[in-house]
Amino acid sequence: MNPLSIVVRTGCDVFAWFMIIFGVNIVLHGYATPGGGFQGGAVVATFMALLLVGYGGKKVLSWANEKMYEFFFDDIGLLAFIALAFLGFPRTFFYNFLARPLTEAVSGVLPGVGTIEFMSVAVGLEVTGALTLIVLTMYKGIRLFGETPPEGEFGHDR
């Protein structure tokens, strides 16, 4: 996949960063608004798809470190979610141990949020890493087979 015109690349430069900011906003405010970790992580992961379209695969794959996505986003997000689930174990699994009672609520702060916000961030990290790796793997698969299928394979087009 070759890079597209300067107009597309400029649009990619402008809007790709807004997608990351918007996705992080969805993750961080998921406890109070529609959305959450999964939806925000999916928005952040589309950043990579937009870069693949705007700049082409060779350039994106030259700087995209898949191990970073696998370790930092995928593994750390999953481990953080599991750790938060086990930290509530003196009472129950997934106990919201950081929640404040309604009587202790500070004005302007939602009472009872506790660990829900941290779990939303952990899910956002996990989904961002997993979907980014899926997008990169799908691109590599397209490049692997090119335009002609391997000998003996027939798709639905034939």
N, C-alpha and C. Protein backbone atom coordinates (compact mmCIF):
# COMPACT_ATOMS: atom_id res chain seq x y z
N MET A 1 0.84 -1.16 0.00
CA MET A 1 0.00 0.00 0.00
C MET A 1 0.89 1.23 0.00
N ASN A 2 0.79 2.04 -1.00
CA ASN A 2 1.59 3.25 -1.12
C ASN A 2 0.90 4.40 -0.42
N PRO A 3 1.68 5.39 0.04
CA PRO A 3 1.06 6.55 0.67
C PRO A 3 0.16 7.30 -0.31
N LEU A 4 -0.85 7.93 0.23
CA LEU A 4 -1.79 8.68 -0.59
C LEU A 4 -1.31 10.12 -0.75
N SER A 5 -2.16 10.97 -1.29
CA SER A 5 -1.78 12.35 -1.61
C SER A 5 -1.46 13.15 -0.36
N ILE A 6 -0.90 14.32 -0.59
CA ILE A 6 -0.54 15.22 0.51
C ILE A 6 -1.77 15.68 1.26
N VAL A 7 -2.90 15.77 0.61
CA VAL A 7 -4.14 16.19 1.26
C VAL A 7 -4.57 15.13 2.28
N VAL A 8 -4.51 13.87 1.88
CA VAL A 8 -4.89 12.78 2.78
C VAL A 8 -3.93 12.69 3.95
N ARG A 9 -2.64 12.82 3.68
CA ARG A 9 -1.66 12.75 4.76
C ARG A 9 -1.81 13.91 5.74
N THR A 10 -2.10 15.11 5.23
CA THR A 10 -2.33 16.26 6.11
C THR A 10 -3.57 16.04 6.96
N GLY A 11 -4.62 15.52 6.34
CA GLY A 11 -5.83 15.20 7.11
C GLY A 11 -5.56 14.15 8.16
N CYS A 12 -4.74 13.19 7.83
CA CYS A 12 -4.35 12.15 8.79
C CYS A 12 -3.57 12.77 9.95
N ASP A 13 -2.64 13.67 9.65
CA ASP A 13 -1.86 14.32 10.70
C ASP A 13 -2.75 15.12 11.65
N VAL A 14 -3.75 15.78 11.09
CA VAL A 14 -4.62 16.62 11.91
C VAL A 14 -5.57 15.77 12.74
N PHE A 15 -6.25 14.82 12.12
CA PHE A 15 -7.31 14.10 12.81
C PHE A 15 -6.85 12.90 13.62
N ALA A 16 -5.70 12.35 13.33
CA ALA A 16 -5.25 11.17 14.06
C ALA A 16 -5.03 11.49 15.53
N TRP A 17 -4.45 12.64 15.82
CA TRP A 17 -4.19 12.99 17.22
C TRP A 17 -5.48 13.31 17.96
N PHE A 18 -6.46 13.86 17.26
CA PHE A 18 -7.75 14.09 17.90
C PHE A 18 -8.42 12.77 18.25
N MET A 19 -8.21 11.75 17.42
CA MET A 19 -8.79 10.45 17.72
C MET A 19 -8.20 9.87 19.00
N ILE A 20 -6.91 10.06 19.20
CA ILE A 20 -6.29 9.57 20.43
C ILE A 20 -6.83 10.32 21.64
N ILE A 21 -6.92 11.63 21.54
CA ILE A 21 -7.43 12.43 22.65
C ILE A 21 -8.88 12.09 22.95
N PHE A 22 -9.69 11.93 21.91
CA PHE A 22 -11.09 11.59 22.10
C PHE A 22 -11.23 10.19 22.71
N GLY A 23 -10.43 9.24 22.25
CA GLY A 23 -10.48 7.89 22.81
C GLY A 23 -10.07 7.86 24.27
N VAL A 24 -9.03 8.59 24.63
CA VAL A 24 -8.60 8.65 26.03
C VAL A 24 -9.68 9.32 26.87
N ASN A 25 -10.34 10.34 26.33
CA ASN A 25 -11.44 10.99 27.03
C ASN A 25 -12.59 10.01 27.28
N ILE A 26 -12.90 9.18 26.32
CA ILE A 26 -13.95 8.18 26.50
C ILE A 26 -13.56 7.18 27.57
N VAL A 27 -12.30 6.76 27.58
CA VAL A 27 -11.84 5.81 28.60
C VAL A 27 -11.91 6.43 29.99
N LEU A 28 -11.42 7.65 30.14
CA LEU A 28 -11.34 8.26 31.46
C LEU A 28 -12.69 8.67 32.03
N HIS A 29 -13.66 8.95 31.18
CA HIS A 29 -14.97 9.36 31.66
C HIS A 29 -16.03 8.29 31.45
N GLY A 30 -15.61 7.06 31.26
CA GLY A 30 -16.54 5.97 30.99
C GLY A 30 -17.43 5.61 32.15
N TYR A 31 -17.03 5.95 33.38
CA TYR A 31 -17.86 5.62 34.53
C TYR A 31 -19.07 6.54 34.64
N ALA A 32 -19.00 7.72 34.02
CA ALA A 32 -20.06 8.71 34.18
C ALA A 32 -20.81 9.00 32.88
N THR A 33 -20.24 8.65 31.75
CA THR A 33 -20.85 8.95 30.47
C THR A 33 -20.93 7.67 29.64
N PRO A 34 -21.68 7.67 28.56
CA PRO A 34 -21.69 6.48 27.70
C PRO A 34 -20.29 6.22 27.15
N GLY A 35 -19.90 5.00 27.16
CA GLY A 35 -18.57 4.63 26.71
C GLY A 35 -17.85 3.88 27.80
N GLY A 36 -16.56 3.87 27.74
CA GLY A 36 -15.76 3.18 28.73
C GLY A 36 -14.48 2.68 28.11
N GLY A 37 -13.89 1.67 28.74
CA GLY A 37 -12.61 1.16 28.30
C GLY A 37 -12.63 0.55 26.92
N PHE A 38 -13.62 -0.26 26.63
CA PHE A 38 -13.65 -0.92 25.33
C PHE A 38 -13.86 0.08 24.19
N GLN A 39 -14.85 0.94 24.34
CA GLN A 39 -15.15 1.90 23.29
C GLN A 39 -14.01 2.88 23.07
N GLY A 40 -13.43 3.38 24.16
CA GLY A 40 -12.30 4.30 24.03
C GLY A 40 -11.07 3.63 23.45
N GLY A 41 -10.83 2.38 23.85
CA GLY A 41 -9.70 1.65 23.29
C GLY A 41 -9.85 1.40 21.81
N ALA A 42 -11.09 1.15 21.37
CA ALA A 42 -11.33 0.95 19.94
C ALA A 42 -11.09 2.24 19.16
N VAL A 43 -11.48 3.37 19.72
CA VAL A 43 -11.24 4.66 19.04
C VAL A 43 -9.74 4.93 18.95
N VAL A 44 -9.01 4.68 20.02
CA VAL A 44 -7.56 4.90 20.00
C VAL A 44 -6.88 3.96 19.01
N ALA A 45 -7.36 2.72 18.90
CA ALA A 45 -6.74 1.76 17.98
C ALA A 45 -6.97 2.13 16.52
N THR A 46 -8.01 2.87 16.22
CA THR A 46 -8.22 3.28 14.82
C THR A 46 -7.17 4.28 14.36
N PHE A 47 -6.42 4.82 15.31
CA PHE A 47 -5.30 5.69 14.97
C PHE A 47 -4.33 4.98 14.03
N MET A 48 -4.04 3.71 14.33
CA MET A 48 -3.10 2.95 13.50
C MET A 48 -3.67 2.68 12.11
N ALA A 49 -4.97 2.39 12.05
CA ALA A 49 -5.60 2.17 10.74
C ALA A 49 -5.55 3.44 9.90
N LEU A 50 -5.77 4.59 10.54
CA LEU A 50 -5.71 5.86 9.81
C LEU A 50 -4.29 6.13 9.30
N LEU A 51 -3.29 5.82 10.11
CA LEU A 51 -1.91 5.99 9.66
C LEU A 51 -1.57 5.05 8.51
N LEU A 52 -2.06 3.82 8.54
CA LEU A 52 -1.81 2.89 7.44
C LEU A 52 -2.41 3.40 6.14
N VAL A 53 -3.59 3.98 6.22
CA VAL A 53 -4.23 4.52 5.02
C VAL A 53 -3.48 5.75 4.52
N GLY A 54 -3.11 6.65 5.41
CA GLY A 54 -2.49 7.90 5.01
C GLY A 54 -1.05 7.77 4.56
N TYR A 55 -0.26 6.95 5.25
CA TYR A 55 1.17 6.92 4.98
C TYR A 55 1.66 5.64 4.32
N GLY A 56 0.84 4.63 4.29
CA GLY A 56 1.29 3.38 3.69
C GLY A 56 1.96 2.49 4.72
N GLY A 57 1.94 1.21 4.42
CA GLY A 57 2.40 0.23 5.38
C GLY A 57 3.89 0.21 5.63
N LYS A 58 4.69 0.47 4.61
CA LYS A 58 6.14 0.40 4.79
C LYS A 58 6.62 1.42 5.83
N LYS A 59 6.12 2.64 5.72
CA LYS A 59 6.55 3.68 6.64
C LYS A 59 6.02 3.42 8.05
N VAL A 60 4.76 3.00 8.16
CA VAL A 60 4.16 2.76 9.48
C VAL A 60 4.83 1.57 10.16
N LEU A 61 5.06 0.50 9.41
CA LEU A 61 5.70 -0.68 10.02
C LEU A 61 7.16 -0.43 10.38
N SER A 62 7.78 0.59 9.76
CA SER A 62 9.16 0.89 10.11
C SER A 62 9.28 1.52 11.49
N TRP A 63 8.25 2.21 11.96
CA TRP A 63 8.33 2.83 13.28
C TRP A 63 7.37 2.23 14.30
N ALA A 64 6.39 1.44 13.89
CA ALA A 64 5.45 0.83 14.83
C ALA A 64 6.11 -0.39 15.47
N ASN A 65 6.29 -0.35 16.76
CA ASN A 65 6.92 -1.44 17.49
C ASN A 65 5.83 -2.35 18.05
N GLU A 66 5.66 -3.51 17.44
CA GLU A 66 4.60 -4.42 17.85
C GLU A 66 4.83 -4.96 19.26
N LYS A 67 6.07 -5.14 19.65
CA LYS A 67 6.36 -5.62 21.00
C LYS A 67 5.90 -4.62 22.06
N MET A 68 6.01 -3.31 21.74
CA MET A 68 5.55 -2.29 22.67
C MET A 68 4.03 -2.38 22.84
N TYR A 69 3.33 -2.57 21.74
CA TYR A 69 1.87 -2.71 21.84
C TYR A 69 1.51 -3.98 22.58
N GLU A 70 2.25 -5.04 22.34
CA GLU A 70 1.94 -6.31 22.98
C GLU A 70 2.23 -6.25 24.48
N PHE A 71 3.37 -5.68 24.86
CA PHE A 71 3.73 -5.67 26.28
C PHE A 71 3.01 -4.56 27.03
N PHE A 72 3.24 -3.29 26.59
CA PHE A 72 2.73 -2.17 27.38
C PHE A 72 1.21 -2.12 27.39
N PHE A 73 0.61 -2.20 26.23
CA PHE A 73 -0.84 -2.07 26.19
C PHE A 73 -1.53 -3.38 26.55
N ASP A 74 -1.20 -4.43 25.84
CA ASP A 74 -1.91 -5.70 25.97
C ASP A 74 -1.66 -6.35 27.32
N ASP A 75 -0.41 -6.61 27.64
CA ASP A 75 -0.07 -7.35 28.86
C ASP A 75 -0.29 -6.53 30.13
N ILE A 76 0.17 -5.28 30.13
CA ILE A 76 0.02 -4.45 31.32
C ILE A 76 -1.46 -4.17 31.59
N GLY A 77 -2.24 -3.93 30.56
CA GLY A 77 -3.68 -3.70 30.75
C GLY A 77 -4.37 -4.91 31.35
N LEU A 78 -4.03 -6.09 30.85
CA LEU A 78 -4.63 -7.32 31.38
C LEU A 78 -4.19 -7.58 32.81
N LEU A 79 -2.91 -7.42 33.10
CA LEU A 79 -2.42 -7.64 34.46
C LEU A 79 -3.01 -6.62 35.44
N ALA A 80 -3.17 -5.38 35.03
CA ALA A 80 -3.78 -4.37 35.90
C ALA A 80 -5.24 -4.72 36.20
N PHE A 81 -5.97 -5.18 35.20
CA PHE A 81 -7.36 -5.56 35.42
C PHE A 81 -7.47 -6.74 36.38
N ILE A 82 -6.63 -7.74 36.19
CA ILE A 82 -6.65 -8.92 37.08
C ILE A 82 -6.23 -8.52 38.49
N ALA A 83 -5.21 -7.65 38.62
CA ALA A 83 -4.76 -7.22 39.94
C ALA A 83 -5.86 -6.46 40.67
N LEU A 84 -6.56 -5.58 39.96
CA LEU A 84 -7.66 -4.84 40.59
C LEU A 84 -8.79 -5.79 41.01
N ALA A 85 -9.00 -6.83 40.24
CA ALA A 85 -10.04 -7.80 40.61
C ALA A 85 -9.66 -8.55 41.88
N PHE A 86 -8.40 -8.91 42.01
CA PHE A 86 -7.96 -9.67 43.18
C PHE A 86 -7.76 -8.80 44.42
N LEU A 87 -7.55 -7.50 44.26
CA LEU A 87 -7.34 -6.62 45.41
C LEU A 87 -8.59 -6.51 46.29
N GLY A 88 -9.73 -6.82 45.76
CA GLY A 88 -10.95 -6.78 46.55
C GLY A 88 -11.25 -8.08 47.26
N PHE A 89 -10.29 -9.00 47.26
CA PHE A 89 -10.55 -10.35 47.76
C PHE A 89 -10.83 -10.51 49.25
N PRO A 90 -10.41 -9.66 50.15
CA PRO A 90 -10.84 -9.92 51.52
C PRO A 90 -12.37 -10.01 51.64
N ARG A 91 -13.06 -9.31 50.76
CA ARG A 91 -14.52 -9.42 50.75
C ARG A 91 -15.00 -10.31 49.60
N THR A 92 -14.81 -9.86 48.36
CA THR A 92 -15.21 -10.65 47.20
C THR A 92 -14.29 -10.32 46.04
N PHE A 93 -14.39 -11.12 45.00
CA PHE A 93 -13.70 -10.86 43.74
C PHE A 93 -14.35 -9.64 43.10
N PHE A 94 -13.57 -8.69 42.57
CA PHE A 94 -14.04 -7.44 41.96
C PHE A 94 -14.73 -6.52 42.96
N TYR A 95 -14.40 -6.62 44.24
CA TYR A 95 -14.99 -5.72 45.23
C TYR A 95 -14.47 -4.32 45.00
N ASN A 96 -15.35 -3.34 45.04
CA ASN A 96 -14.99 -1.95 44.79
C ASN A 96 -14.46 -1.34 46.10
N PHE A 97 -13.22 -1.67 46.43
CA PHE A 97 -12.66 -1.32 47.73
C PHE A 97 -12.30 0.16 47.87
N LEU A 98 -12.25 0.91 46.79
CA LEU A 98 -11.92 2.33 46.86
C LEU A 98 -13.16 3.23 46.90
N ALA A 99 -14.33 2.65 46.82
CA ALA A 99 -15.55 3.45 46.78
C ALA A 99 -15.80 4.13 48.12
N ARG A 100 -16.25 5.37 48.06
CA ARG A 100 -16.61 6.11 49.27
C ARG A 100 -18.11 6.02 49.48
N PRO A 101 -18.53 5.96 50.70
CA PRO A 101 -19.98 5.97 50.95
C PRO A 101 -20.58 7.30 50.52
N LEU A 102 -21.85 7.32 50.30
CA LEU A 102 -22.55 8.52 49.85
C LEU A 102 -22.42 9.66 50.84
N THR A 103 -22.30 9.36 52.11
CA THR A 103 -22.19 10.41 53.13
C THR A 103 -20.84 11.11 53.08
N GLU A 104 -19.80 10.46 52.53
CA GLU A 104 -18.48 11.06 52.45
C GLU A 104 -18.20 11.70 51.10
N ALA A 105 -19.18 11.74 50.23
CA ALA A 105 -18.97 12.26 48.87
C ALA A 105 -18.62 13.74 48.91
N VAL A 106 -17.63 14.10 48.16
CA VAL A 106 -17.22 15.49 48.04
C VAL A 106 -18.08 16.13 46.96
N SER A 107 -18.42 17.38 47.13
CA SER A 107 -19.26 18.06 46.16
C SER A 107 -18.59 18.06 44.78
N GLY A 108 -19.30 17.65 43.78
CA GLY A 108 -18.78 17.62 42.42
C GLY A 108 -18.12 16.32 42.03
N VAL A 109 -17.99 15.39 42.96
CA VAL A 109 -17.37 14.11 42.67
C VAL A 109 -18.42 13.02 42.80
N LEU A 110 -18.47 12.13 41.85
CA LEU A 110 -19.44 11.04 41.93
C LEU A 110 -19.07 10.08 43.05
N PRO A 111 -19.98 9.80 43.95
CA PRO A 111 -19.66 8.85 45.01
C PRO A 111 -19.67 7.43 44.48
N GLY A 112 -18.88 6.60 45.07
CA GLY A 112 -18.93 5.19 44.74
C GLY A 112 -18.19 4.76 43.50
N VAL A 113 -17.40 5.64 42.88
CA VAL A 113 -16.70 5.26 41.65
C VAL A 113 -15.61 4.25 41.96
N GLY A 114 -14.70 4.58 42.83
CA GLY A 114 -13.68 3.66 43.30
C GLY A 114 -12.84 3.03 42.22
N THR A 115 -12.80 1.70 42.19
CA THR A 115 -11.94 0.98 41.27
C THR A 115 -12.48 0.91 39.85
N ILE A 116 -13.71 1.34 39.66
CA ILE A 116 -14.32 1.26 38.32
C ILE A 116 -13.51 2.08 37.32
N GLU A 117 -13.06 3.25 37.73
CA GLU A 117 -12.26 4.09 36.84
C GLU A 117 -10.95 3.41 36.46
N PHE A 118 -10.29 2.79 37.41
CA PHE A 118 -9.03 2.11 37.12
C PHE A 118 -9.24 0.89 36.23
N MET A 119 -10.34 0.19 36.43
CA MET A 119 -10.64 -0.96 35.58
C MET A 119 -10.96 -0.51 34.15
N SER A 120 -11.61 0.63 34.02
CA SER A 120 -11.88 1.17 32.69
C SER A 120 -10.59 1.51 31.96
N VAL A 121 -9.63 2.08 32.68
CA VAL A 121 -8.32 2.39 32.07
C VAL A 121 -7.60 1.10 31.68
N ALA A 122 -7.66 0.08 32.54
CA ALA A 122 -7.01 -1.19 32.23
C ALA A 122 -7.63 -1.84 30.99
N VAL A 123 -8.95 -1.80 30.89
CA VAL A 123 -9.62 -2.35 29.70
C VAL A 123 -9.26 -1.52 28.47
N GLY A 124 -9.18 -0.21 28.62
CA GLY A 124 -8.79 0.65 27.49
C GLY A 124 -7.40 0.32 26.98
N LEU A 125 -6.45 0.09 27.89
CA LEU A 125 -5.10 -0.30 27.47
C LEU A 125 -5.12 -1.64 26.74
N GLU A 126 -5.85 -2.59 27.30
CA GLU A 126 -5.92 -3.93 26.69
C GLU A 126 -6.53 -3.87 25.29
N VAL A 127 -7.62 -3.19 25.14
CA VAL A 127 -8.31 -3.13 23.84
C VAL A 127 -7.48 -2.35 22.82
N THR A 128 -6.83 -1.28 23.26
CA THR A 128 -5.97 -0.52 22.34
C THR A 128 -4.86 -1.41 21.80
N GLY A 129 -4.19 -2.13 22.67
CA GLY A 129 -3.10 -3.00 22.23
C GLY A 129 -3.58 -4.13 21.34
N ALA A 130 -4.67 -4.78 21.74
CA ALA A 130 -5.16 -5.92 20.97
C ALA A 130 -5.66 -5.50 19.59
N LEU A 131 -6.45 -4.45 19.51
CA LEU A 131 -6.98 -4.03 18.21
C LEU A 131 -5.89 -3.46 17.31
N THR A 132 -4.90 -2.78 17.89
CA THR A 132 -3.78 -2.29 17.07
C THR A 132 -3.00 -3.46 16.49
N LEU A 133 -2.76 -4.48 17.30
CA LEU A 133 -2.06 -5.66 16.80
C LEU A 133 -2.88 -6.38 15.72
N ILE A 134 -4.19 -6.40 15.87
CA ILE A 134 -5.05 -7.02 14.85
C ILE A 134 -4.95 -6.24 13.54
N VAL A 135 -4.99 -4.90 13.61
CA VAL A 135 -4.90 -4.08 12.39
C VAL A 135 -3.55 -4.32 11.70
N LEU A 136 -2.46 -4.32 12.48
CA LEU A 136 -1.14 -4.54 11.88
C LEU A 136 -1.00 -5.95 11.30
N THR A 137 -1.55 -6.95 11.98
CA THR A 137 -1.49 -8.32 11.48
C THR A 137 -2.32 -8.48 10.21
N MET A 138 -3.48 -7.83 10.17
CA MET A 138 -4.30 -7.90 8.95
C MET A 138 -3.58 -7.25 7.78
N TYR A 139 -2.89 -6.12 8.04
CA TYR A 139 -2.14 -5.48 6.97
C TYR A 139 -1.03 -6.40 6.46
N LYS A 140 -0.31 -7.02 7.39
CA LYS A 140 0.75 -7.94 6.97
C LYS A 140 0.19 -9.12 6.19
N GLY A 141 -0.99 -9.59 6.57
CA GLY A 141 -1.62 -10.69 5.84
C GLY A 141 -2.00 -10.30 4.43
N ILE A 142 -2.46 -9.07 4.26
CA ILE A 142 -2.79 -8.58 2.91
C ILE A 142 -1.52 -8.51 2.08
N ARG A 143 -0.45 -8.01 2.67
CA ARG A 143 0.81 -7.89 1.94
C ARG A 143 1.41 -9.26 1.65
N LEU A 144 1.18 -10.24 2.52
CA LEU A 144 1.74 -11.57 2.34
C LEU A 144 1.16 -12.24 1.10
N PHE A 145 -0.13 -12.12 0.92
CA PHE A 145 -0.78 -12.79 -0.20
C PHE A 145 -0.85 -11.93 -1.45
N GLY A 146 -0.68 -10.65 -1.32
CA GLY A 146 -0.70 -9.77 -2.48
C GLY A 146 -2.04 -9.81 -3.20
N GLU A 147 -1.99 -9.69 -4.49
CA GLU A 147 -3.22 -9.65 -5.27
C GLU A 147 -3.61 -11.02 -5.79
N THR A 148 -2.68 -11.94 -5.87
CA THR A 148 -3.02 -13.27 -6.37
C THR A 148 -2.94 -14.27 -5.22
N PRO A 149 -3.94 -15.14 -5.08
CA PRO A 149 -3.91 -16.11 -3.99
C PRO A 149 -2.84 -17.18 -4.25
N PRO A 150 -2.35 -17.80 -3.20
CA PRO A 150 -1.38 -18.87 -3.37
C PRO A 150 -1.96 -20.02 -4.19
N GLU A 151 -1.10 -20.83 -4.74
CA GLU A 151 -1.52 -21.95 -5.58
C GLU A 151 -2.45 -22.88 -4.81
N GLY A 152 -3.57 -23.21 -5.40
CA GLY A 152 -4.51 -24.14 -4.81
C GLY A 152 -5.55 -23.49 -3.91
N GLU A 153 -5.43 -22.21 -3.60
CA GLU A 153 -6.43 -21.53 -2.78
C GLU A 153 -7.35 -20.72 -3.67
N PHE A 154 -8.62 -20.83 -3.39
CA PHE A 154 -9.60 -20.06 -4.15
C PHE A 154 -10.51 -19.35 -3.15
N GLY A 155 -10.66 -18.08 -3.30
CA GLY A 155 -11.54 -17.31 -2.42
C GLY A 155 -12.95 -17.32 -2.95
N HIS A 156 -13.78 -16.50 -2.40
CA HIS A 156 -15.18 -16.44 -2.80
C HIS A 156 -15.37 -15.72 -4.13
N ASP A 157 -14.33 -15.09 -4.63
CA ASP A 157 -14.44 -14.35 -5.90
C ASP A 157 -14.33 -15.25 -7.12
N ARG A 158 -13.89 -16.48 -6.96
CA ARG A 158 -13.68 -17.32 -8.14
C ARG A 158 -14.72 -18.39 -8.24
